[in-house]
Amino acid sequence: MDSENLYYFEKAPVTKAVAHFAVPMMLGTSMNVIYSILNAYFLGTLHNTAMLTALALTLPLFAILMALGNLIGMGSGTFISRLLGEKRTDEVKHVSSFAFYSSLVLGLIVTAAGLPLIDSIVHGLGATPDSFGYTKDYVTVMLIGSPFVVLFFTLENIVRSEGAAVTSMIGMMLSVVVNIILDALVIFVFHWDVIGVASATVISNLVASVYYAFHMGQKSQFLTVSIRWFKASKDILGNVFKIGVPVFIMSIFLGAMSLIFNHYLVVYGDSAVAAYGISSRLLQFPEFILMGLCEGVVPLIAFSFTADRLRMKHTTLFTIKTIVALAAVFGLIVYLVSDHLISLFTNDPQLIEMGSYILHVTFLSLFITGMTTLFTGIFQATAQGTAAFIMSVIQGVTLIPVLYLANQTNGFHGVVWSLVIADAVAFLVGAVMLYALRNKLQPELESLVQ
């Protein structure tokens, strides 16, 4: 680890250290949301609701690919940060090489397994007759590009784990810029609609992955992509999967929840699915800002857990205060201009009304989801595998029965409100577990949760 990164891990004031790790991540994740929003915007210019519906229906597939990347990336990344805190720098090369090649293999498996089942996958995503062809086009391209998408999410975590937050941000922004440029070309110049948007996403992930691999191979002191450092020892597998599997399950549950949610919304028409697709992309912006904050401090928390636990407490407290402030600001903005935000994507009055309503409801849980993400990050950083696993399943386990009951009793409104209820339950469970683990994590954390 170079001296600058070591300074931010060990000696910088907590506010400065959190800013160093979190701000680049927040900027990077916000840029990712921007290009997700722009995907919908570019397709929206074609005034084809079926295309917007296809884009919404394919969110679960993207969630699965992200889950595979985070399975290796988050598990390896938190392990690398703890190893650096323990000064076990030689082991870091083995872990980083393992992460690189394992993620490529996982992506290839998805391609080989998914393409023969393409029609079944599209039907399973809930495509209607109008949106089936567009959905199939998007899914086909994403399956072919799976290795690059999985690799991107893995390497972003690995680079960030050694403290190279700015490098991580540059890679994410590079992906976004390439994607935006390609989106404009494929929609307005080549007229490739959904196929073009999906191809732009894959290519942008490939470009960013090459950038990360270059950093790991040529710039980083301890990370590597060399196959000769590849090692799959029991220690590496245990530490990676102890955290990676809960992260994977959480992402799968998010994808499954999105899939189930879409199936309930389809009953209320393509407009309901499209409205949710637009509003969820807008909600992603503040959610990913908070996620960037919470995930950005994970390496700092992991390092401090093995090196300086009082610093870990101060980092957590400052992060909580920042979550409160950001949630308040974003909530106020949305309640003032929600209709105008939705109208950027469509001129359909029904879509605008439904999308604005969904935004108002789901923004109620913004602070809750921020805190839930922080709880999960603490459990991941401190290698609390059981707690991380519980956090990975609790929201999905809660949402399914709540969604069924809410739909039966309150129809469309109940479906929308079920998301807030599931978020609240996950928050309460996380808070209880943090309190129960306070002495195991460190005596100083007791004051945090009392």
Protein backbone atom coordinates (compact mmCIF):
# COMPACT_ATOMS: atom_id res chain seq x y z
CA MET A 1 0.00 0.00 0.00
CA ASP A 2 1.43 3.39 -0.88
CA SER A 3 2.03 6.00 1.83
CA GLU A 4 -0.96 8.16 0.81
CA ASN A 5 -3.45 5.32 1.18
CA LEU A 6 -1.81 4.28 4.44
CA TYR A 7 -2.22 7.84 5.74
CA TYR A 8 -5.97 7.80 5.10
CA PHE A 9 -6.35 4.35 6.64
CA GLU A 10 -4.40 5.11 9.81
CA LYS A 11 -3.73 8.78 10.55
CA ALA A 12 -6.06 11.18 8.72
CA PRO A 13 -8.89 12.80 10.73
CA VAL A 14 -12.02 10.64 10.49
CA THR A 15 -13.98 13.22 8.48
CA LYS A 16 -11.12 13.52 6.00
CA ALA A 17 -10.64 9.75 5.81
CA VAL A 18 -14.36 9.13 5.23
CA ALA A 19 -14.37 11.80 2.53
CA HIS A 20 -11.34 10.21 0.86
CA PHE A 21 -12.98 6.78 0.70
CA ALA A 22 -16.65 7.71 0.34
CA VAL A 23 -16.78 10.76 -1.95
CA PRO A 24 -15.17 9.02 -4.96
CA MET A 25 -17.49 6.05 -4.42
CA MET A 26 -20.51 8.34 -4.13
CA LEU A 27 -19.54 10.14 -7.32
CA GLY A 28 -18.93 6.86 -9.11
CA THR A 29 -22.21 5.26 -8.06
CA SER A 30 -24.14 8.43 -8.85
CA MET A 31 -22.64 8.40 -12.34
CA ASN A 32 -23.77 4.80 -12.73
CA VAL A 33 -27.30 5.85 -11.84
CA ILE A 34 -27.09 8.72 -14.30
CA TYR A 35 -26.31 6.37 -17.16
CA SER A 36 -29.10 4.04 -15.99
CA ILE A 37 -31.44 7.01 -16.12
CA LEU A 38 -30.07 8.05 -19.50
CA ASN A 39 -30.68 4.55 -20.87
CA ALA A 40 -34.36 5.08 -20.05
CA TYR A 41 -34.21 8.64 -21.38
CA PHE A 42 -32.71 7.65 -24.75
CA LEU A 43 -35.27 4.89 -25.21
CA GLY A 44 -37.98 7.26 -24.01
CA THR A 45 -37.24 9.57 -26.94
CA LEU A 46 -38.57 6.80 -29.20
CA HIS A 47 -41.97 7.05 -27.43
CA ASN A 48 -42.35 3.28 -27.22
CA THR A 49 -43.73 2.08 -23.88
CA ALA A 50 -42.88 -1.55 -24.73
CA MET A 51 -39.17 -0.66 -24.90
CA LEU A 52 -39.30 1.06 -21.51
CA THR A 53 -41.12 -1.97 -20.15
CA ALA A 54 -38.38 -4.27 -21.50
CA LEU A 55 -35.75 -2.12 -19.82
CA ALA A 56 -37.59 -2.42 -16.50
CA LEU A 57 -38.12 -6.17 -16.86
CA THR A 58 -34.41 -6.85 -17.38
CA LEU A 59 -33.38 -5.26 -14.06
CA PRO A 60 -33.40 -8.68 -12.32
CA LEU A 61 -30.91 -10.08 -14.84
CA PHE A 62 -28.54 -7.17 -14.30
CA ALA A 63 -28.97 -7.68 -10.55
CA ILE A 64 -27.83 -11.31 -10.93
CA LEU A 65 -24.71 -10.31 -12.86
CA MET A 66 -23.95 -7.64 -10.27
CA ALA A 67 -24.50 -10.27 -7.56
CA LEU A 68 -21.90 -12.57 -9.09
CA GLY A 69 -19.42 -9.70 -9.31
CA ASN A 70 -20.06 -8.74 -5.70
CA LEU A 71 -19.86 -12.37 -4.59
CA ILE A 72 -16.17 -12.39 -5.49
CA GLY A 73 -15.47 -8.66 -5.31
CA MET A 74 -16.97 -7.79 -1.94
CA GLY A 75 -15.80 -11.02 -0.31
CA SER A 76 -12.26 -10.61 -1.62
CA GLY A 77 -12.22 -6.84 -1.08
CA THR A 78 -13.11 -6.89 2.61
CA PHE A 79 -10.60 -9.71 3.13
CA ILE A 80 -7.89 -7.67 1.40
CA SER A 81 -8.60 -4.65 3.62
CA ARG A 82 -8.36 -6.79 6.76
CA LEU A 83 -5.13 -8.36 5.48
CA LEU A 84 -3.65 -4.90 4.94
CA GLY A 85 -4.66 -3.91 8.47
CA GLU A 86 -2.78 -6.98 9.72
CA LYS A 87 0.21 -6.16 7.45
CA ARG A 88 -0.17 -9.51 5.63
CA THR A 89 0.59 -7.92 2.29
CA ASP A 90 1.95 -11.01 0.51
CA GLU A 91 -1.40 -12.76 0.81
CA VAL A 92 -3.13 -9.86 -0.95
CA LYS A 93 -1.66 -10.85 -4.33
CA HIS A 94 -3.12 -14.33 -4.04
CA VAL A 95 -6.55 -12.98 -3.17
CA SER A 96 -6.61 -10.39 -5.97
CA SER A 97 -5.53 -12.92 -8.61
CA PHE A 98 -8.15 -15.36 -7.33
CA ALA A 99 -10.81 -12.66 -7.62
CA PHE A 100 -9.87 -11.71 -11.18
CA TYR A 101 -9.98 -15.20 -12.70
CA SER A 102 -12.88 -16.49 -10.63
CA SER A 103 -15.12 -13.65 -11.80
CA LEU A 104 -14.27 -14.33 -15.44
CA VAL A 105 -15.13 -18.00 -15.03
CA LEU A 106 -18.45 -17.17 -13.35
CA GLY A 107 -19.36 -14.86 -16.23
CA LEU A 108 -18.56 -17.53 -18.82
CA ILE A 109 -20.73 -20.02 -16.94
CA VAL A 110 -23.65 -17.56 -17.08
CA THR A 111 -23.20 -17.16 -20.84
CA ALA A 112 -23.01 -20.90 -21.49
CA ALA A 113 -25.97 -21.71 -19.25
CA GLY A 114 -28.18 -18.75 -20.20
CA LEU A 115 -28.14 -18.62 -24.01
CA PRO A 116 -29.78 -22.04 -24.59
CA LEU A 117 -32.57 -21.02 -22.18
CA ILE A 118 -33.12 -17.53 -23.57
CA ASP A 119 -36.87 -17.85 -24.26
CA SER A 120 -37.57 -19.36 -20.85
CA ILE A 121 -35.60 -16.55 -19.19
CA VAL A 122 -37.56 -13.86 -21.05
CA HIS A 123 -40.87 -15.48 -20.13
CA GLY A 124 -39.68 -15.78 -16.54
CA LEU A 125 -38.90 -12.06 -16.45
CA GLY A 126 -42.59 -11.41 -17.09
CA ALA A 127 -42.43 -10.09 -20.64
CA THR A 128 -45.78 -9.36 -22.26
CA PRO A 129 -46.45 -10.10 -25.96
CA ASP A 130 -45.69 -6.45 -26.82
CA SER A 131 -42.41 -6.34 -24.91
CA PHE A 132 -41.20 -9.93 -25.51
CA GLY A 133 -39.04 -9.20 -28.55
CA TYR A 134 -37.36 -6.16 -27.01
CA THR A 135 -36.75 -8.01 -23.75
CA LYS A 136 -35.22 -10.96 -25.59
CA ASP A 137 -32.88 -8.65 -27.52
CA TYR A 138 -31.64 -7.03 -24.31
CA VAL A 139 -31.22 -10.33 -22.46
CA THR A 140 -29.30 -11.92 -25.34
CA VAL A 141 -26.72 -9.15 -25.45
CA MET A 142 -26.33 -9.10 -21.67
CA LEU A 143 -25.79 -12.86 -21.52
CA ILE A 144 -23.10 -12.69 -24.19
CA GLY A 145 -21.37 -9.89 -22.29
CA SER A 146 -21.75 -11.48 -18.85
CA PRO A 147 -18.01 -12.10 -18.24
CA PHE A 148 -17.22 -8.40 -18.66
CA VAL A 149 -20.14 -7.22 -16.50
CA VAL A 150 -19.24 -9.62 -13.67
CA LEU A 151 -15.55 -8.69 -13.95
CA PHE A 152 -16.36 -4.97 -13.73
CA PHE A 153 -18.20 -5.30 -10.41
CA THR A 154 -15.48 -7.55 -9.02
CA LEU A 155 -12.53 -5.33 -9.91
CA GLU A 156 -14.22 -2.13 -8.69
CA ASN A 157 -14.39 -3.70 -5.22
CA ILE A 158 -10.82 -5.02 -5.37
CA VAL A 159 -9.27 -1.70 -6.37
CA ARG A 160 -11.21 0.15 -3.69
CA SER A 161 -10.19 -2.37 -1.01
CA GLU A 162 -6.55 -1.23 -1.05
CA GLY A 163 -7.58 2.39 -0.56
CA ALA A 164 -7.40 3.45 -4.23
CA ALA A 165 -10.78 5.19 -4.01
CA VAL A 166 -10.02 7.70 -6.74
CA THR A 167 -8.93 4.97 -9.15
CA SER A 168 -12.16 3.11 -8.38
CA MET A 169 -14.15 6.27 -9.13
CA ILE A 170 -12.32 6.92 -12.39
CA GLY A 171 -13.15 3.40 -13.58
CA MET A 172 -16.83 3.83 -12.78
CA MET A 173 -16.93 7.22 -14.47
CA LEU A 174 -15.10 5.85 -17.49
CA SER A 175 -17.79 3.21 -17.80
CA VAL A 176 -20.50 5.86 -17.59
CA VAL A 177 -18.95 8.21 -20.14
CA VAL A 178 -18.40 5.41 -22.66
CA ASN A 179 -21.96 4.20 -22.10
CA ILE A 180 -23.50 7.63 -22.62
CA ILE A 181 -21.54 8.23 -25.82
CA LEU A 182 -22.46 4.82 -27.20
CA ASP A 183 -26.12 5.24 -26.18
CA ALA A 184 -26.36 8.44 -28.19
CA LEU A 185 -24.73 6.77 -31.19
CA VAL A 186 -26.82 3.59 -31.20
CA ILE A 187 -30.13 5.42 -30.69
CA PHE A 188 -29.76 8.54 -32.82
CA VAL A 189 -27.25 7.43 -35.47
CA PHE A 190 -27.51 3.65 -35.91
CA HIS A 191 -31.14 3.26 -34.69
CA TRP A 192 -30.43 0.01 -32.84
CA ASP A 193 -32.90 0.77 -29.99
CA VAL A 194 -32.81 -1.91 -27.24
CA ILE A 195 -29.98 -3.97 -28.75
CA GLY A 196 -27.85 -0.85 -28.96
CA VAL A 197 -28.52 0.17 -25.36
CA ALA A 198 -27.60 -3.31 -24.08
CA SER A 199 -24.44 -3.41 -26.23
CA ALA A 200 -23.39 0.00 -24.93
CA THR A 201 -23.68 -1.29 -21.35
CA VAL A 202 -21.52 -4.36 -22.05
CA ILE A 203 -18.83 -2.43 -23.94
CA SER A 204 -18.61 0.24 -21.25
CA ASN A 205 -18.11 -2.43 -18.59
CA LEU A 206 -15.38 -4.03 -20.70
CA VAL A 207 -13.53 -0.72 -21.07
CA ALA A 208 -13.65 -0.05 -17.32
CA SER A 209 -12.51 -3.61 -16.56
CA VAL A 210 -9.45 -3.14 -18.77
CA TYR A 211 -8.67 0.07 -16.89
CA TYR A 212 -8.92 -1.67 -13.51
CA ALA A 213 -6.84 -4.62 -14.71
CA PHE A 214 -4.13 -2.23 -15.91
CA HIS A 215 -4.04 -0.55 -12.50
CA MET A 216 -3.81 -3.87 -10.70
CA GLY A 217 -1.12 -5.21 -13.00
CA GLN A 218 1.02 -2.10 -13.49
CA LYS A 219 0.27 0.53 -10.82
CA SER A 220 -0.68 -1.25 -7.61
CA GLN A 221 2.03 -2.33 -5.18
CA PHE A 222 0.15 -5.37 -3.89
CA LEU A 223 -2.76 -6.20 -6.24
CA THR A 224 -2.15 -8.33 -9.32
CA VAL A 225 -3.89 -10.03 -12.25
CA SER A 226 -1.03 -12.45 -12.88
CA ILE A 227 -2.17 -16.07 -13.14
CA ARG A 228 0.97 -17.25 -11.33
CA TRP A 229 -0.35 -15.69 -8.13
CA PHE A 230 -3.67 -17.50 -8.43
CA LYS A 231 -4.39 -19.46 -5.28
CA ALA A 232 -7.61 -21.04 -4.02
CA SER A 233 -6.59 -22.08 -0.53
CA LYS A 234 -9.05 -22.98 2.22
CA ASP A 235 -8.24 -19.70 3.98
CA ILE A 236 -8.96 -17.61 0.88
CA LEU A 237 -12.12 -19.49 -0.05
CA GLY A 238 -13.42 -19.35 3.51
CA ASN A 239 -12.87 -15.63 3.97
CA VAL A 240 -14.11 -14.69 0.50
CA PHE A 241 -17.29 -16.74 0.60
CA LYS A 242 -18.10 -16.02 4.24
CA ILE A 243 -18.86 -12.44 3.18
CA GLY A 244 -19.31 -12.91 -0.56
CA VAL A 245 -22.12 -15.45 -0.33
CA PRO A 246 -24.36 -13.22 1.84
CA VAL A 247 -23.69 -10.34 -0.56
CA PHE A 248 -24.58 -12.62 -3.48
CA ILE A 249 -27.76 -13.79 -1.78
CA MET A 250 -28.72 -10.20 -1.03
CA SER A 251 -28.28 -9.22 -4.66
CA ILE A 252 -30.21 -12.30 -5.83
CA PHE A 253 -33.00 -11.44 -3.43
CA LEU A 254 -33.05 -7.91 -4.81
CA GLY A 255 -33.34 -9.34 -8.32
CA ALA A 256 -36.00 -11.82 -7.23
CA MET A 257 -37.88 -9.06 -5.43
CA SER A 258 -37.77 -6.94 -8.57
CA LEU A 259 -39.00 -9.90 -10.61
CA ILE A 260 -41.87 -10.67 -8.20
CA PHE A 261 -42.69 -6.98 -7.93
CA ASN A 262 -42.90 -6.69 -11.73
CA HIS A 263 -45.22 -9.69 -11.90
CA TYR A 264 -47.60 -8.00 -9.49
CA LEU A 265 -47.39 -4.70 -11.38
CA VAL A 266 -48.04 -6.31 -14.77
CA VAL A 267 -51.58 -7.01 -13.58
CA TYR A 268 -52.11 -3.25 -13.54
CA GLY A 269 -50.83 -2.82 -17.10
CA ASP A 270 -47.59 -2.00 -18.93
CA SER A 271 -47.95 1.59 -17.77
CA ALA A 272 -47.54 0.48 -14.14
CA VAL A 273 -44.36 -1.46 -14.97
CA ALA A 274 -42.96 1.41 -17.02
CA ALA A 275 -43.82 3.94 -14.27
CA TYR A 276 -42.04 1.80 -11.70
CA GLY A 277 -39.06 1.42 -14.03
CA ILE A 278 -38.74 5.19 -14.39
CA SER A 279 -39.33 6.01 -10.71
CA SER A 280 -36.97 3.27 -9.52
CA ARG A 281 -34.22 4.70 -11.68
CA LEU A 282 -34.80 8.13 -10.19
CA LEU A 283 -34.83 6.65 -6.69
CA GLN A 284 -31.55 4.91 -7.47
CA PHE A 285 -29.75 8.25 -7.58
CA PRO A 286 -30.09 9.14 -3.87
CA GLU A 287 -30.02 5.45 -2.92
CA PHE A 288 -26.73 4.94 -4.72
CA ILE A 289 -25.32 8.14 -3.22
CA LEU A 290 -26.01 6.68 0.23
CA MET A 291 -24.81 3.27 -0.93
CA GLY A 292 -21.61 4.88 -2.18
CA LEU A 293 -21.13 6.48 1.23
CA CYS A 294 -21.72 3.23 3.12
CA GLU A 295 -19.78 0.98 0.76
CA GLY A 296 -17.01 3.56 0.46
CA VAL A 297 -16.24 3.38 4.18
CA VAL A 298 -16.24 -0.45 4.26
CA PRO A 299 -12.48 -0.73 3.54
CA LEU A 300 -11.79 1.86 6.26
CA ILE A 301 -13.98 -0.02 8.74
CA ALA A 302 -12.40 -3.36 7.78
CA PHE A 303 -8.86 -1.99 8.15
CA SER A 304 -9.72 -0.32 11.47
CA PHE A 305 -11.33 -3.50 12.77
CA THR A 306 -7.93 -5.21 12.75
CA ALA A 307 -5.81 -2.11 13.41
CA ASP A 308 -7.69 0.53 15.50
CA ARG A 309 -11.21 -0.19 16.75
CA LEU A 310 -11.79 3.18 18.36
CA ARG A 311 -11.27 4.72 14.92
CA MET A 312 -13.85 2.26 13.62
CA LYS A 313 -16.42 3.63 16.09
CA HIS A 314 -15.77 7.25 15.14
CA THR A 315 -16.01 6.37 11.43
CA THR A 316 -19.39 4.72 11.96
CA LEU A 317 -20.82 7.61 13.98
CA PHE A 318 -19.79 10.18 11.39
CA THR A 319 -21.27 8.07 8.60
CA ILE A 320 -24.63 7.87 10.40
CA LYS A 321 -24.79 11.68 10.73
CA THR A 322 -24.04 12.04 7.02
CA ILE A 323 -26.80 9.57 6.09
CA VAL A 324 -29.35 11.61 8.06
CA ALA A 325 -28.35 14.86 6.37
CA LEU A 326 -28.35 13.47 2.83
CA ALA A 327 -31.68 11.65 3.23
CA ALA A 328 -33.33 14.87 4.42
CA VAL A 329 -32.02 16.90 1.48
CA PHE A 330 -32.96 14.35 -1.19
CA GLY A 331 -36.40 13.79 0.32
CA LEU A 332 -37.20 17.49 0.20
CA ILE A 333 -36.13 17.79 -3.44
CA VAL A 334 -38.25 14.85 -4.58
CA TYR A 335 -41.40 16.04 -2.83
CA LEU A 336 -41.05 19.42 -4.52
CA VAL A 337 -40.34 18.37 -8.13
CA SER A 338 -41.42 14.72 -8.58
CA ASP A 339 -43.82 15.43 -11.47
CA HIS A 340 -41.15 17.33 -13.38
CA LEU A 341 -38.67 14.51 -12.88
CA ILE A 342 -41.02 11.87 -14.30
CA SER A 343 -41.98 14.10 -17.24
CA LEU A 344 -38.35 14.06 -18.38
CA PHE A 345 -38.91 10.47 -19.55
CA THR A 346 -42.43 10.52 -20.91
CA ASN A 347 -45.28 12.81 -21.91
CA ASP A 348 -47.92 10.20 -20.99
CA PRO A 349 -50.10 11.76 -18.22
CA GLN A 350 -50.88 8.34 -16.71
CA LEU A 351 -47.19 7.42 -16.50
CA ILE A 352 -46.38 10.78 -14.92
CA GLU A 353 -49.10 10.40 -12.29
CA MET A 354 -48.22 6.81 -11.41
CA GLY A 355 -44.48 7.44 -11.41
CA SER A 356 -44.80 10.49 -9.17
CA TYR A 357 -46.92 8.52 -6.70
CA ILE A 358 -44.38 5.69 -6.55
CA LEU A 359 -41.59 8.20 -5.96
CA HIS A 360 -43.43 9.84 -3.06
CA VAL A 361 -44.02 6.51 -1.34
CA THR A 362 -40.64 4.88 -1.85
CA PHE A 363 -38.71 7.98 -0.80
CA LEU A 364 -40.19 7.58 2.68
CA SER A 365 -37.70 4.77 3.33
CA LEU A 366 -34.58 6.51 2.01
CA PHE A 367 -33.02 7.02 5.46
CA ILE A 368 -33.97 3.46 6.42
CA THR A 369 -32.27 1.92 3.38
CA GLY A 370 -29.17 4.04 4.01
CA MET A 371 -28.89 2.77 7.56
CA THR A 372 -29.58 -0.80 6.45
CA THR A 373 -26.74 -0.56 3.95
CA LEU A 374 -24.43 0.72 6.68
CA PHE A 375 -25.40 -2.12 9.03
CA THR A 376 -24.66 -4.61 6.28
CA GLY A 377 -21.33 -2.93 5.51
CA ILE A 378 -20.28 -3.14 9.16
CA PHE A 379 -21.08 -6.85 9.29
CA GLN A 380 -19.18 -7.45 6.04
CA ALA A 381 -16.15 -5.42 7.10
CA THR A 382 -15.88 -7.19 10.46
CA ALA A 383 -16.38 -10.70 8.99
CA GLN A 384 -19.68 -11.30 10.78
CA GLY A 385 -20.88 -13.85 8.25
CA THR A 386 -24.07 -14.90 10.05
CA ALA A 387 -25.27 -11.34 10.57
CA ALA A 388 -24.41 -10.47 6.96
CA PHE A 389 -26.37 -13.51 5.78
CA ILE A 390 -29.43 -12.52 7.82
CA MET A 391 -29.30 -9.02 6.37
CA SER A 392 -29.07 -10.52 2.89
CA VAL A 393 -32.36 -12.41 3.18
CA ILE A 394 -34.51 -10.47 5.63
CA GLN A 395 -35.87 -7.90 3.18
CA GLY A 396 -36.82 -10.52 0.59
CA VAL A 397 -38.30 -12.87 3.17
CA THR A 398 -40.39 -9.99 4.48
CA LEU A 399 -41.43 -8.55 1.12
CA ILE A 400 -42.96 -11.70 -0.37
CA PRO A 401 -45.75 -12.23 2.20
CA VAL A 402 -46.25 -8.48 2.67
CA LEU A 403 -46.56 -8.01 -1.10
CA TYR A 404 -49.16 -10.75 -1.34
CA LEU A 405 -51.26 -9.45 1.53
CA ALA A 406 -50.95 -5.80 0.50
CA ASN A 407 -51.97 -6.60 -3.06
CA GLN A 408 -55.01 -8.54 -1.84
CA THR A 409 -56.17 -5.78 0.49
CA ASN A 410 -55.13 -2.54 -1.26
CA GLY A 411 -54.33 -3.42 -4.87
CA PHE A 412 -51.83 -1.19 -6.67
CA HIS A 413 -51.32 1.05 -3.64
CA GLY A 414 -50.60 -1.95 -1.44
CA VAL A 415 -47.99 -3.24 -3.90
CA VAL A 416 -46.14 0.07 -3.80
CA TRP A 417 -46.29 0.42 0.00
CA SER A 418 -45.00 -3.13 0.52
CA LEU A 419 -41.51 -1.91 -0.38
CA VAL A 420 -41.48 0.57 2.51
CA ILE A 421 -42.69 -2.05 4.98
CA ALA A 422 -39.98 -4.53 3.95
CA ASP A 423 -37.30 -1.83 4.26
CA ALA A 424 -38.49 -0.96 7.78
CA VAL A 425 -38.30 -4.59 8.92
CA ALA A 426 -34.75 -4.96 7.55
CA PHE A 427 -33.71 -1.80 9.41
CA LEU A 428 -35.09 -3.07 12.72
CA VAL A 429 -33.43 -6.47 12.35
CA GLY A 430 -30.07 -4.86 11.51
CA ALA A 431 -30.26 -2.52 14.50
CA VAL A 432 -31.04 -5.40 16.85
CA MET A 433 -28.13 -7.48 15.54
CA LEU A 434 -25.69 -4.58 15.81
CA TYR A 435 -26.74 -4.12 19.42
CA ALA A 436 -26.37 -7.85 20.13
CA LEU A 437 -22.88 -7.94 18.55
CA ARG A 438 -21.61 -4.73 20.14
CA ASN A 439 -19.21 -6.43 22.57
CA LYS A 440 -17.95 -8.87 19.94
CA LEU A 441 -17.19 -6.08 17.50
CA GLN A 442 -15.55 -3.91 20.13
CA PRO A 443 -16.38 -2.59 23.60
CA GLU A 444 -16.35 0.96 22.29
CA LEU A 445 -19.32 0.25 19.98
CA GLU A 446 -21.58 -0.16 22.99
CA SER A 447 -22.08 3.58 23.25
CA LEU A 448 -23.07 3.73 19.57
CA VAL A 449 -26.11 1.51 19.89
CA GLN A 450 -27.33 2.50 23.33
